[in-house]
Amino acid sequence: MHKKATLITVLFSVIVFVIWDLIGIQLGIFFEGNTSFLSDINIVKNLPIEEIFFLTLLCYTTLILINWMKKYVHISNR
């Protein structure tokens, strides 16, 4: 496994999605819901810390899926 490449890829992807979230928050598209499942720890207004964990999981899982597909799914060019 390429640890450094994985870390850089996931970190870059999370940063892009956090910027996307911040733009959405500024435009009033994204907002924090009212639920008991959140920890009430916000990075900024309407951006809970859980979002960072979710984005990290999403990006890492996507990277694993892409690598798995490259290894085991052979798609012919027709």
N, C-alpha and C. Protein backbone atom coordinates (compact mmCIF):
# COMPACT_ATOMS: atom_id res chain seq x y z
N MET A 1 0.84 -1.18 0.00
CA MET A 1 0.00 0.00 0.00
C MET A 1 0.89 1.24 0.00
N HIS A 2 0.45 2.26 -0.68
CA HIS A 2 1.18 3.51 -0.76
C HIS A 2 0.60 4.48 0.27
N LYS A 3 1.16 4.46 1.46
CA LYS A 3 0.60 5.24 2.57
C LYS A 3 0.62 6.74 2.30
N LYS A 4 1.75 7.23 1.79
CA LYS A 4 1.87 8.67 1.56
C LYS A 4 0.89 9.13 0.48
N ALA A 5 0.78 8.39 -0.60
CA ALA A 5 -0.15 8.74 -1.68
C ALA A 5 -1.59 8.69 -1.20
N THR A 6 -1.90 7.68 -0.39
CA THR A 6 -3.25 7.56 0.16
C THR A 6 -3.57 8.75 1.04
N LEU A 7 -2.66 9.10 1.94
CA LEU A 7 -2.88 10.23 2.84
C LEU A 7 -3.07 11.53 2.06
N ILE A 8 -2.23 11.77 1.08
CA ILE A 8 -2.34 13.00 0.28
C ILE A 8 -3.66 13.04 -0.48
N THR A 9 -4.03 11.93 -1.09
CA THR A 9 -5.27 11.87 -1.86
C THR A 9 -6.49 12.11 -0.98
N VAL A 10 -6.56 11.43 0.16
CA VAL A 10 -7.70 11.59 1.06
C VAL A 10 -7.73 12.99 1.64
N LEU A 11 -6.60 13.51 2.06
CA LEU A 11 -6.53 14.85 2.63
C LEU A 11 -6.96 15.90 1.61
N PHE A 12 -6.44 15.80 0.39
CA PHE A 12 -6.82 16.75 -0.66
C PHE A 12 -8.32 16.69 -0.92
N SER A 13 -8.86 15.48 -1.03
CA SER A 13 -10.29 15.31 -1.30
C SER A 13 -11.15 15.88 -0.18
N VAL A 14 -10.76 15.64 1.05
CA VAL A 14 -11.52 16.17 2.19
C VAL A 14 -11.48 17.70 2.18
N ILE A 15 -10.33 18.27 1.89
CA ILE A 15 -10.22 19.73 1.83
C ILE A 15 -11.14 20.30 0.74
N VAL A 16 -11.17 19.66 -0.42
CA VAL A 16 -12.05 20.12 -1.50
C VAL A 16 -13.51 20.07 -1.05
N PHE A 17 -13.91 18.97 -0.42
CA PHE A 17 -15.29 18.86 0.03
C PHE A 17 -15.63 19.82 1.17
N VAL A 18 -14.68 20.11 2.04
CA VAL A 18 -14.92 21.09 3.11
C VAL A 18 -15.11 22.48 2.50
N ILE A 19 -14.30 22.81 1.51
CA ILE A 19 -14.48 24.10 0.81
C ILE A 19 -15.86 24.15 0.16
N TRP A 20 -16.25 23.04 -0.46
CA TRP A 20 -17.58 22.94 -1.07
C TRP A 20 -18.65 23.17 0.01
N ASP A 21 -18.51 22.53 1.16
CA ASP A 21 -19.46 22.70 2.26
C ASP A 21 -19.51 24.15 2.72
N LEU A 22 -18.35 24.78 2.86
CA LEU A 22 -18.31 26.17 3.33
C LEU A 22 -19.00 27.10 2.33
N ILE A 23 -18.81 26.87 1.05
CA ILE A 23 -19.50 27.67 0.03
C ILE A 23 -21.01 27.44 0.12
N GLY A 24 -21.41 26.18 0.27
CA GLY A 24 -22.83 25.87 0.42
C GLY A 24 -23.44 26.49 1.66
N ILE A 25 -22.68 26.54 2.75
CA ILE A 25 -23.16 27.17 3.98
C ILE A 25 -23.33 28.67 3.76
N GLN A 26 -22.34 29.31 3.12
CA GLN A 26 -22.41 30.75 2.84
C GLN A 26 -23.61 31.09 1.96
N LEU A 27 -23.94 30.21 1.01
CA LEU A 27 -25.07 30.45 0.11
C LEU A 27 -26.41 30.06 0.73
N GLY A 28 -26.37 29.48 1.93
CA GLY A 28 -27.61 29.09 2.60
C GLY A 28 -28.18 27.77 2.10
N ILE A 29 -27.38 27.01 1.34
CA ILE A 29 -27.85 25.73 0.82
C ILE A 29 -27.70 24.64 1.88
N PHE A 30 -26.57 24.65 2.59
CA PHE A 30 -26.31 23.66 3.63
C PHE A 30 -26.52 24.30 5.00
N PHE A 31 -27.09 23.53 5.89
CA PHE A 31 -27.27 24.01 7.26
C PHE A 31 -27.29 22.81 8.19
N GLU A 32 -27.03 23.08 9.46
CA GLU A 32 -27.01 22.02 10.45
C GLU A 32 -28.42 21.71 10.90
N GLY A 33 -28.79 20.45 10.81
CA GLY A 33 -30.12 20.05 11.24
C GLY A 33 -30.21 19.98 12.76
N ASN A 34 -31.40 19.85 13.24
CA ASN A 34 -31.64 19.78 14.67
C ASN A 34 -31.90 18.32 15.04
N THR A 35 -30.87 17.66 15.55
CA THR A 35 -30.98 16.24 15.89
C THR A 35 -30.14 15.94 17.13
N SER A 36 -30.50 14.89 17.81
CA SER A 36 -29.75 14.49 19.00
C SER A 36 -28.53 13.64 18.65
N PHE A 37 -28.35 13.32 17.37
CA PHE A 37 -27.23 12.49 16.95
C PHE A 37 -25.93 13.27 16.77
N LEU A 38 -25.99 14.58 16.75
CA LEU A 38 -24.80 15.41 16.59
C LEU A 38 -24.16 15.70 17.94
N SER A 39 -22.87 15.93 17.93
CA SER A 39 -22.14 16.14 19.18
C SER A 39 -22.17 17.58 19.66
N ASP A 40 -22.73 18.49 18.88
CA ASP A 40 -22.74 19.93 19.20
C ASP A 40 -21.35 20.55 19.17
N ILE A 41 -20.38 19.88 18.54
CA ILE A 41 -19.06 20.45 18.34
C ILE A 41 -18.98 20.90 16.88
N ASN A 42 -18.91 22.20 16.67
CA ASN A 42 -18.87 22.75 15.32
C ASN A 42 -17.50 23.32 15.02
N ILE A 43 -17.03 23.08 13.80
CA ILE A 43 -15.78 23.68 13.34
C ILE A 43 -16.04 25.15 13.07
N VAL A 44 -17.07 25.42 12.30
CA VAL A 44 -17.64 26.75 12.09
C VAL A 44 -19.14 26.59 12.16
N LYS A 45 -19.86 27.69 12.12
CA LYS A 45 -21.32 27.61 12.20
C LYS A 45 -21.87 26.73 11.08
N ASN A 46 -22.69 25.79 11.43
CA ASN A 46 -23.34 24.84 10.52
C ASN A 46 -22.41 23.80 9.92
N LEU A 47 -21.20 23.65 10.46
CA LEU A 47 -20.28 22.61 10.00
C LEU A 47 -19.83 21.78 11.21
N PRO A 48 -20.60 20.73 11.52
CA PRO A 48 -20.25 19.91 12.68
C PRO A 48 -19.00 19.07 12.42
N ILE A 49 -18.32 18.71 13.48
CA ILE A 49 -17.09 17.91 13.37
C ILE A 49 -17.38 16.54 12.73
N GLU A 50 -18.59 16.06 12.88
CA GLU A 50 -18.96 14.78 12.27
C GLU A 50 -18.83 14.82 10.75
N GLU A 51 -19.00 16.00 10.17
CA GLU A 51 -18.87 16.14 8.72
C GLU A 51 -17.46 15.80 8.25
N ILE A 52 -16.46 16.19 9.02
CA ILE A 52 -15.07 15.89 8.67
C ILE A 52 -14.84 14.38 8.71
N PHE A 53 -15.36 13.72 9.74
CA PHE A 53 -15.23 12.26 9.83
C PHE A 53 -15.95 11.58 8.67
N PHE A 54 -17.15 12.07 8.35
CA PHE A 54 -17.91 11.49 7.24
C PHE A 54 -17.17 11.67 5.92
N LEU A 55 -16.66 12.86 5.66
CA LEU A 55 -15.94 13.11 4.41
C LEU A 55 -14.69 12.25 4.30
N THR A 56 -13.98 12.08 5.41
CA THR A 56 -12.79 11.23 5.41
C THR A 56 -13.18 9.78 5.09
N LEU A 57 -14.22 9.29 5.72
CA LEU A 57 -14.70 7.94 5.44
C LEU A 57 -15.14 7.80 3.99
N LEU A 58 -15.88 8.78 3.48
CA LEU A 58 -16.35 8.75 2.10
C LEU A 58 -15.19 8.71 1.11
N CYS A 59 -14.21 9.56 1.30
CA CYS A 59 -13.07 9.63 0.38
C CYS A 59 -12.21 8.37 0.45
N TYR A 60 -11.97 7.87 1.65
CA TYR A 60 -11.15 6.67 1.80
C TYR A 60 -11.86 5.45 1.22
N THR A 61 -13.15 5.33 1.46
CA THR A 61 -13.93 4.21 0.93
C THR A 61 -13.95 4.26 -0.60
N THR A 62 -14.09 5.45 -1.17
CA THR A 62 -14.07 5.61 -2.61
C THR A 62 -12.72 5.20 -3.19
N LEU A 63 -11.65 5.58 -2.52
CA LEU A 63 -10.31 5.20 -2.96
C LEU A 63 -10.13 3.68 -2.93
N ILE A 64 -10.61 3.04 -1.88
CA ILE A 64 -10.53 1.58 -1.78
C ILE A 64 -11.34 0.93 -2.90
N LEU A 65 -12.54 1.45 -3.16
CA LEU A 65 -13.39 0.89 -4.21
C LEU A 65 -12.75 1.04 -5.58
N ILE A 66 -12.17 2.19 -5.86
CA ILE A 66 -11.51 2.40 -7.15
C ILE A 66 -10.33 1.43 -7.31
N ASN A 67 -9.53 1.29 -6.28
CA ASN A 67 -8.39 0.36 -6.36
C ASN A 67 -8.85 -1.08 -6.52
N TRP A 68 -9.92 -1.45 -5.85
CA TRP A 68 -10.47 -2.80 -5.98
C TRP A 68 -10.95 -3.03 -7.41
N MET A 69 -11.64 -2.03 -7.97
CA MET A 69 -12.15 -2.17 -9.33
C MET A 69 -11.00 -2.28 -10.34
N LYS A 70 -9.93 -1.52 -10.13
CA LYS A 70 -8.78 -1.60 -11.03
C LYS A 70 -8.14 -2.98 -10.98
N LYS A 71 -8.19 -3.62 -9.83
CA LYS A 71 -7.54 -4.91 -9.67
C LYS A 71 -8.41 -6.08 -10.12
N TYR A 72 -9.72 -6.02 -9.82
CA TYR A 72 -10.57 -7.19 -10.02
C TYR A 72 -11.62 -7.05 -11.12
N VAL A 73 -11.95 -5.85 -11.52
CA VAL A 73 -12.99 -5.69 -12.54
C VAL A 73 -12.30 -5.30 -13.85
N HIS A 74 -12.36 -6.16 -14.79
CA HIS A 74 -11.72 -5.93 -16.07
C HIS A 74 -12.79 -5.52 -17.07
N ILE A 75 -12.76 -4.28 -17.46
CA ILE A 75 -13.75 -3.75 -18.39
C ILE A 75 -13.07 -3.62 -19.76
N SER A 76 -13.68 -4.28 -20.74
CA SER A 76 -13.08 -4.22 -22.07
C SER A 76 -13.48 -2.92 -22.76
N ASN A 77 -12.61 -2.43 -23.62
CA ASN A 77 -12.88 -1.22 -24.39
C ASN A 77 -13.55 -1.61 -25.71
N ARG A 78 -14.84 -1.49 -25.76
CA ARG A 78 -15.59 -1.87 -26.97
C ARG A 78 -15.97 -0.66 -27.76
